[in-house]
Amino acid sequence: MIPAVLVVTQEPERAQESRRTSGPDAPGPESQGAPDPGRPMTFLDHLEELRAAVWRSATVALILVATAWFFSGRILDALIVYLLRGQRALALSPTEAFSARIEVALWSGGILALPYVMFELWRFVAPGLKKSERRFAVPWMVASAALLYLGIAFAVELLLPMIVRMLQSFATSQIESRMSLLSLLHFSVKMAAGCGLLFQLPLVLCLLAWFGVVSPRVLARQWRHAIFFIALAAAIVTPGDGPSMLVLSAPLVLLYFVSLVFAWAIWRGRWKARREPGELG
């Protein structure tokens, strides 16, 4: 009698379970296999997110490069007129004009795509950052892009015309100063990229203060060494002559002392209360 009772009582339960899993209210395969938004992301999930971010960034960059190609001729003409003051650049090979337009499109599209690439980078790393780190990262990325554009504008508007005119002045009566198209373009790109990178100096100092590597007081005491290294970097970027070094070093020295103010504010808010008695600064 006992086994018979158990069979009778278990049959309705099995029937109800069967109706629940096979009826119209049963969850479908897509809901059964759907990822839980609350679970931690695996390594493969991170790789998929990175792949999607790289794909979106590459797509936007290619679109902007293709768009810049249609304006590359005008950009080249404007650069030649602005720097050579009435002279024409020489295309010394059949492919030089085409190569120059390709480089102009790549650099122009890449510079325009940089804010979106930084935005995709932010979307990828933001979930792993703390709230305080996210508050610091957003202004840092905006300031980095702004300083890069400021350095490029400084090189194109002020530094490049002065250097080109100064170098052309060394020609004698038996020397005709003419420039090839690619040499002029490569020289301009080197100067613009170098100025854009050197103008990131305030962010470097603020990062040093943020991570507690060195205090702003120590940086202020070593201002003579800072000016020396700024002049050395300016000599590497420029042809190494005195006037162009001074023109590039002056805003960098100004940025150095201005950035000490921001670094000091970061240091006081983050590290001053945690310093040990014997620590510098």
Protein backbone atom coordinates (compact mmCIF):
# COMPACT_ATOMS: atom_id res chain seq x y z
CA MET A 1 0.00 0.00 0.00
CA ILE A 2 2.77 2.51 0.76
CA PRO A 3 4.45 2.32 -2.68
CA ALA A 4 1.09 2.69 -4.37
CA VAL A 5 0.31 5.83 -2.36
CA LEU A 6 3.71 7.34 -3.26
CA VAL A 7 3.13 6.74 -6.98
CA VAL A 8 -0.33 8.29 -6.84
CA THR A 9 0.88 11.41 -4.98
CA GLN A 10 3.94 11.92 -7.23
CA GLU A 11 2.07 11.65 -10.53
CA PRO A 12 0.14 14.96 -10.17
CA GLU A 13 3.38 16.76 -9.23
CA ARG A 14 5.15 15.40 -12.31
CA ALA A 15 2.22 16.38 -14.51
CA GLN A 16 2.21 19.92 -13.13
CA GLU A 17 5.99 20.20 -13.69
CA SER A 18 5.58 18.93 -17.25
CA ARG A 19 2.83 21.46 -18.00
CA ARG A 20 4.90 24.27 -16.44
CA THR A 21 7.98 23.54 -18.58
CA SER A 22 6.12 22.85 -21.83
CA GLY A 23 3.14 25.19 -21.65
CA PRO A 24 2.74 28.66 -23.16
CA ASP A 25 4.22 30.33 -20.07
CA ALA A 26 7.41 28.29 -20.25
CA PRO A 27 10.61 30.31 -20.75
CA GLY A 28 12.00 30.16 -24.26
CA PRO A 29 15.52 29.14 -25.22
CA GLU A 30 16.62 32.71 -25.64
CA SER A 31 15.57 33.64 -22.10
CA GLN A 32 17.04 30.47 -20.64
CA GLY A 33 20.42 31.18 -22.20
CA ALA A 34 20.38 34.96 -21.74
CA PRO A 35 23.35 36.33 -19.79
CA ASP A 36 22.71 37.64 -16.35
CA PRO A 37 23.44 41.39 -16.28
CA GLY A 38 24.48 41.13 -12.66
CA ARG A 39 27.16 38.48 -13.16
CA PRO A 40 30.83 39.52 -13.57
CA MET A 41 32.17 39.74 -17.13
CA THR A 42 34.52 36.98 -18.19
CA PHE A 43 37.76 37.42 -20.11
CA LEU A 44 35.99 36.54 -23.36
CA ASP A 45 33.31 39.16 -22.60
CA HIS A 46 36.02 41.79 -22.20
CA LEU A 47 37.61 40.71 -25.47
CA GLU A 48 34.24 41.05 -27.21
CA GLU A 49 33.77 44.54 -25.78
CA LEU A 50 37.27 45.50 -26.90
CA ARG A 51 36.67 44.10 -30.38
CA ALA A 52 33.44 46.11 -30.70
CA ALA A 53 35.16 49.31 -29.50
CA VAL A 54 38.05 48.86 -31.93
CA TRP A 55 35.63 48.15 -34.78
CA ARG A 56 33.56 51.29 -34.07
CA SER A 57 36.68 53.44 -33.74
CA ALA A 58 38.16 52.10 -36.98
CA THR A 59 34.87 52.67 -38.82
CA VAL A 60 34.64 56.30 -37.69
CA ALA A 61 38.32 56.89 -38.48
CA LEU A 62 37.96 55.43 -41.99
CA ILE A 63 34.91 57.60 -42.67
CA LEU A 64 36.76 60.73 -41.56
CA VAL A 65 39.89 59.81 -43.53
CA ALA A 66 37.77 59.23 -46.65
CA THR A 67 36.09 62.59 -46.09
CA ALA A 68 39.45 64.30 -45.58
CA TRP A 69 40.66 62.88 -48.90
CA PHE A 70 38.23 65.14 -50.78
CA PHE A 71 39.73 68.18 -49.01
CA SER A 72 43.37 67.04 -49.08
CA GLY A 73 44.19 69.06 -52.18
CA ARG A 74 42.87 72.27 -50.63
CA ILE A 75 44.71 71.56 -47.38
CA LEU A 76 47.98 71.02 -49.25
CA ASP A 77 47.52 74.21 -51.27
CA ALA A 78 46.74 76.21 -48.13
CA LEU A 79 49.81 74.81 -46.34
CA ILE A 80 52.11 75.61 -49.27
CA VAL A 81 50.76 79.15 -49.70
CA TYR A 82 50.94 79.81 -45.95
CA LEU A 83 54.49 78.52 -45.45
CA LEU A 84 56.26 79.31 -48.73
CA ARG A 85 54.76 82.78 -49.30
CA GLY A 86 54.24 82.74 -53.06
CA GLN A 87 56.60 79.89 -53.95
CA ARG A 88 55.48 76.49 -55.18
CA ALA A 89 56.51 73.11 -53.84
CA LEU A 90 58.12 70.64 -56.21
CA ALA A 91 56.81 67.13 -56.91
CA LEU A 92 60.06 65.30 -57.69
CA SER A 93 58.49 61.96 -58.63
CA PRO A 94 55.29 60.92 -60.44
CA THR A 95 53.77 59.57 -57.21
CA GLU A 96 54.79 62.38 -54.85
CA ALA A 97 51.61 64.46 -55.19
CA PHE A 98 49.42 61.38 -54.67
CA SER A 99 51.48 60.25 -51.64
CA ALA A 100 51.26 63.71 -50.13
CA ARG A 101 47.48 63.80 -50.47
CA ILE A 102 47.22 60.34 -48.90
CA GLU A 103 49.31 61.46 -45.91
CA VAL A 104 47.26 64.63 -45.51
CA ALA A 105 44.03 62.59 -45.51
CA LEU A 106 45.42 60.10 -42.98
CA TRP A 107 46.70 62.75 -40.58
CA SER A 108 43.64 64.99 -40.88
CA GLY A 109 41.14 62.16 -40.48
CA GLY A 110 43.12 60.65 -37.61
CA ILE A 111 43.27 63.92 -35.70
CA LEU A 112 39.54 64.49 -36.19
CA ALA A 113 38.76 60.92 -35.09
CA LEU A 114 40.85 61.20 -31.92
CA PRO A 115 38.02 62.47 -29.63
CA TYR A 116 35.77 59.58 -30.65
CA VAL A 117 38.59 57.06 -30.14
CA MET A 118 39.17 58.47 -26.66
CA PHE A 119 35.42 58.23 -26.00
CA GLU A 120 35.45 54.54 -26.96
CA LEU A 121 38.47 54.00 -24.73
CA TRP A 122 36.59 55.65 -21.89
CA ARG A 123 33.53 53.43 -22.43
CA PHE A 124 35.76 50.35 -22.27
CA VAL A 125 37.70 51.20 -19.10
CA ALA A 126 35.01 53.13 -17.18
CA PRO A 127 33.24 50.07 -15.66
CA GLY A 128 36.48 49.01 -13.97
CA LEU A 129 37.22 52.40 -12.41
CA LYS A 130 36.19 53.72 -9.05
CA LYS A 131 33.89 56.71 -8.76
CA SER A 132 36.74 59.06 -7.81
CA GLU A 133 38.85 57.74 -10.69
CA ARG A 134 36.00 58.32 -13.15
CA ARG A 135 35.67 61.91 -11.95
CA PHE A 136 39.35 62.42 -12.63
CA ALA A 137 39.52 60.54 -15.96
CA VAL A 138 36.89 62.59 -17.82
CA PRO A 139 38.58 66.00 -17.34
CA TRP A 140 41.95 64.38 -18.09
CA MET A 141 40.78 63.05 -21.46
CA VAL A 142 39.12 66.34 -22.41
CA ALA A 143 42.22 68.31 -21.39
CA SER A 144 44.49 65.91 -23.30
CA ALA A 145 42.59 66.41 -26.56
CA ALA A 146 42.40 70.19 -26.02
CA LEU A 147 46.15 70.47 -25.34
CA LEU A 148 46.94 68.33 -28.38
CA TYR A 149 44.90 70.61 -30.66
CA LEU A 150 46.44 73.67 -28.98
CA GLY A 151 49.95 72.38 -29.65
CA ILE A 152 49.16 71.63 -33.30
CA ALA A 153 47.62 75.09 -33.76
CA PHE A 154 50.66 76.71 -32.13
CA ALA A 155 53.00 74.86 -34.50
CA VAL A 156 51.03 75.66 -37.64
CA GLU A 157 50.16 79.27 -36.85
CA LEU A 158 53.39 80.51 -35.28
CA LEU A 159 56.30 78.10 -35.18
CA LEU A 160 56.32 76.63 -38.70
CA PRO A 161 56.14 79.91 -40.67
CA MET A 162 58.94 81.42 -38.58
CA ILE A 163 61.21 78.39 -38.94
CA VAL A 164 60.64 78.02 -42.69
CA ARG A 165 61.38 81.70 -43.36
CA MET A 166 64.45 81.58 -41.15
CA LEU A 167 65.84 78.47 -42.86
CA GLN A 168 65.22 79.95 -46.30
CA SER A 169 67.17 83.05 -45.32
CA PHE A 170 70.39 81.02 -45.27
CA ALA A 171 70.32 80.70 -49.07
CA THR A 172 72.98 82.71 -50.92
CA SER A 173 72.84 84.42 -54.29
CA GLN A 174 73.88 81.15 -55.96
CA ILE A 175 71.33 79.01 -54.07
CA GLU A 176 67.70 78.84 -55.07
CA SER A 177 65.60 77.83 -52.07
CA ARG A 178 63.03 75.33 -53.34
CA MET A 179 61.29 72.58 -51.39
CA SER A 180 59.89 69.24 -52.42
CA LEU A 181 56.30 68.55 -51.51
CA LEU A 182 56.92 65.52 -49.29
CA SER A 183 59.88 67.09 -47.47
CA LEU A 184 57.76 70.13 -46.60
CA LEU A 185 54.87 67.93 -45.49
CA HIS A 186 57.06 65.64 -43.35
CA PHE A 187 58.73 68.64 -41.73
CA SER A 188 55.34 70.17 -40.91
CA VAL A 189 53.97 66.90 -39.51
CA LYS A 190 57.05 66.42 -37.32
CA MET A 191 56.74 69.92 -35.89
CA ALA A 192 52.97 69.70 -35.32
CA ALA A 193 53.13 66.23 -33.72
CA GLY A 194 56.07 67.24 -31.52
CA CYS A 195 54.31 70.36 -30.29
CA GLY A 196 51.11 68.41 -29.65
CA LEU A 197 53.01 65.90 -27.50
CA LEU A 198 55.05 68.52 -25.63
CA PHE A 199 51.88 70.40 -24.79
CA GLN A 200 50.81 67.36 -22.73
CA LEU A 201 53.26 68.48 -20.03
CA PRO A 202 50.55 69.78 -17.63
CA LEU A 203 48.82 66.40 -17.69
CA VAL A 204 52.07 64.62 -16.86
CA LEU A 205 52.62 66.84 -13.84
CA CYS A 206 49.03 66.41 -12.68
CA LEU A 207 49.32 62.63 -13.02
CA LEU A 208 52.51 62.66 -10.95
CA ALA A 209 50.64 64.54 -8.23
CA TRP A 210 47.57 62.28 -8.54
CA PHE A 211 49.58 59.06 -8.04
CA GLY A 212 51.75 60.62 -5.33
CA VAL A 213 55.02 60.12 -7.22
CA VAL A 214 56.35 63.58 -6.38
CA SER A 215 54.86 66.61 -4.68
CA PRO A 216 54.33 69.95 -6.47
CA ARG A 217 56.65 71.59 -3.93
CA VAL A 218 59.52 69.42 -5.11
CA LEU A 219 58.64 70.19 -8.73
CA ALA A 220 58.67 73.91 -7.95
CA ARG A 221 62.08 73.66 -6.30
CA GLN A 222 63.50 71.90 -9.38
CA TRP A 223 62.33 74.54 -11.85
CA ARG A 224 65.85 75.04 -13.23
CA HIS A 225 66.10 71.37 -14.18
CA ALA A 226 62.62 71.56 -15.70
CA ILE A 227 63.62 74.50 -17.90
CA PHE A 228 66.73 72.63 -19.02
CA PHE A 229 64.75 69.55 -20.08
CA ILE A 230 62.11 71.73 -21.77
CA ALA A 231 64.85 73.42 -23.80
CA LEU A 232 66.33 70.02 -24.64
CA ALA A 233 62.95 68.73 -25.86
CA ALA A 234 62.45 71.91 -27.89
CA ALA A 235 65.87 71.40 -29.49
CA ILE A 236 64.87 67.87 -30.51
CA VAL A 237 61.55 68.94 -32.05
CA THR A 238 62.87 72.06 -33.79
CA PRO A 239 65.94 72.26 -36.07
CA GLY A 240 67.94 73.24 -32.98
CA ASP A 241 68.46 76.93 -33.70
CA GLY A 242 68.12 79.52 -30.99
CA PRO A 243 65.01 81.47 -32.11
CA SER A 244 62.78 78.46 -32.75
CA MET A 245 63.89 76.86 -29.47
CA LEU A 246 62.95 80.02 -27.59
CA VAL A 247 59.60 80.32 -29.35
CA LEU A 248 58.69 76.72 -28.44
CA SER A 249 60.21 76.78 -24.95
CA ALA A 250 58.37 79.93 -23.82
CA PRO A 251 54.81 78.49 -23.81
CA LEU A 252 56.08 75.21 -22.36
CA VAL A 253 57.72 76.97 -19.43
CA LEU A 254 54.51 78.94 -18.90
CA LEU A 255 52.49 75.71 -19.00
CA TYR A 256 54.89 74.18 -16.48
CA PHE A 257 54.33 76.85 -13.85
CA VAL A 258 50.57 77.06 -14.50
CA SER A 259 50.23 73.28 -14.20
CA LEU A 260 51.96 73.42 -10.79
CA VAL A 261 48.88 75.22 -9.48
CA PHE A 262 46.57 72.41 -10.60
CA ALA A 263 49.01 69.76 -9.37
CA TRP A 264 49.13 71.46 -5.98
CA ALA A 265 45.32 71.41 -5.73
CA ILE A 266 45.27 67.70 -6.64
CA TRP A 267 48.04 66.94 -4.16
CA ARG A 268 46.33 68.75 -1.27
CA GLY A 269 43.02 67.02 -1.89
CA ARG A 270 44.43 63.52 -2.31
CA TRP A 271 47.77 63.04 -0.55
CA LYS A 272 48.47 65.77 1.98
CA ALA A 273 46.56 64.07 4.79
CA ARG A 274 48.26 60.72 4.06
CA ARG A 275 51.86 61.87 3.98
CA GLU A 276 54.29 60.48 6.44
CA PRO A 277 56.30 62.92 8.58
CA GLY A 278 59.59 62.32 6.72
CA GLU A 279 58.15 62.56 3.20
CA LEU A 280 59.29 65.35 0.87
CA GLY A 281 56.88 68.15 0.01
